[in-house]
Amino acid sequence: MGEDIGEMGGVFQCTAGLTSEFGARRVIETPISEACIGGCAVGAAATGLVVPIVEVQIMDMVTLMMDNVVNQAAKWRLMLGGEAQRDAEGRSVSMPIVIRGPQGGGHRLSAQHSQSLEAWFTAVPGLKVVMPSTPHDAKGLLLAAVRDPNPVIFLEHKNLYQLPRSHVPDGDYEVPLGVASILREGTDVTLVATSNMVHEALKAAGRLAARKEQPVSVEVIDPRTLWPLDEATILDSVQRTSRLVIAHEAPRRGGWGGELLSVVQEKAFDYLDAPITIVAGRDCPLPYNAALEKACIPGAAQIAEACLAVVQRPGFDQ
């Protein structure tokens, strides 16, 4: 359910063809009212009869449904019985709902249509937060999200819609929530990147490995879900490389990277040979001007520079 998801197929054509295949009873066009959409979705999920999949046309507009997301969807199930599907009177106490939509900059959509808001949602107990970086993972994670009894926020970077076509299996498969993916193995530094920054991280890792003098071996990890977080995979990598760089597009201030930094600082401090570094977006609203917008969003060059800096820094014990 969402705005313009029927005949139009959504702004980014994510729902193209669904109405002709499943009909208007299952693909529901809504008014331009995110508060209304959120309320209808929460109410439908609370019946236990359907799993609403909400498309927020531009994820920035989720601000208009935050009461339903934060005060209702995230808390309903836990307030009324936790893991049980129904209470003593037979009422549903699960909240199977997926709220998905595009976020991120790079398309000159200006400050109100280019934000990266994942840190807001990871700070709300009761929500699961997913950020795929590939078509394969997007399908598997979405199927896992639909089958989860908890509300799931599913954040899709706009740039990912423009990736070159890649193989996605036709069959039914899930990518489990809370399981990270090691996309490139390395020994010198762990690089954890999210969403579109995963592709920039892989570019940076390739450049560093190709250095003629002192090539750097970078281990690239895509957490895929920010919550639940696969701490074990990240901590194991940091214990092997002794260094960590975190890359995300959202502003550094209050960003998700700070949460990961605190986890590693608390649980793997003795393994670190250099301070943890965060490569993040500028602490400002994204400008409309193309050059200024580009200057606010980190890329492979900044990520490579950060990785090289932590590798070349003398260890704490030197």
Foldseek 3Di string as FASTA:
>chain_A
DEAPCECNCAPLNVNHPVCVVPNCVQVPHDDPQLLVVLVVLQVVQQQVPAEEEAEDRFVLVCVRNVCSVQVNQQCQLVVQPHPDQADPVRTGSFRRYEYEYEEADDPLPFQSRHADDQLVQVVGHREWEFFDAAPQQLQQAVVQSNPDRTYYYYYAYPVRSVDPDDDHDPDDHHDHQAAKDWPFDFQAEEEEETHNQLVLQVVLQVVQQPDPPNRGTYTYMYQRILPVGNLVVVLVNCLRNQAYEYEYAHAPVSDSVVVNLVVCCVPPVVSHFFRYYYHYFHPDRQGSDNVSNVVRGDGNVVSNVVSVVRSPDGGPVD
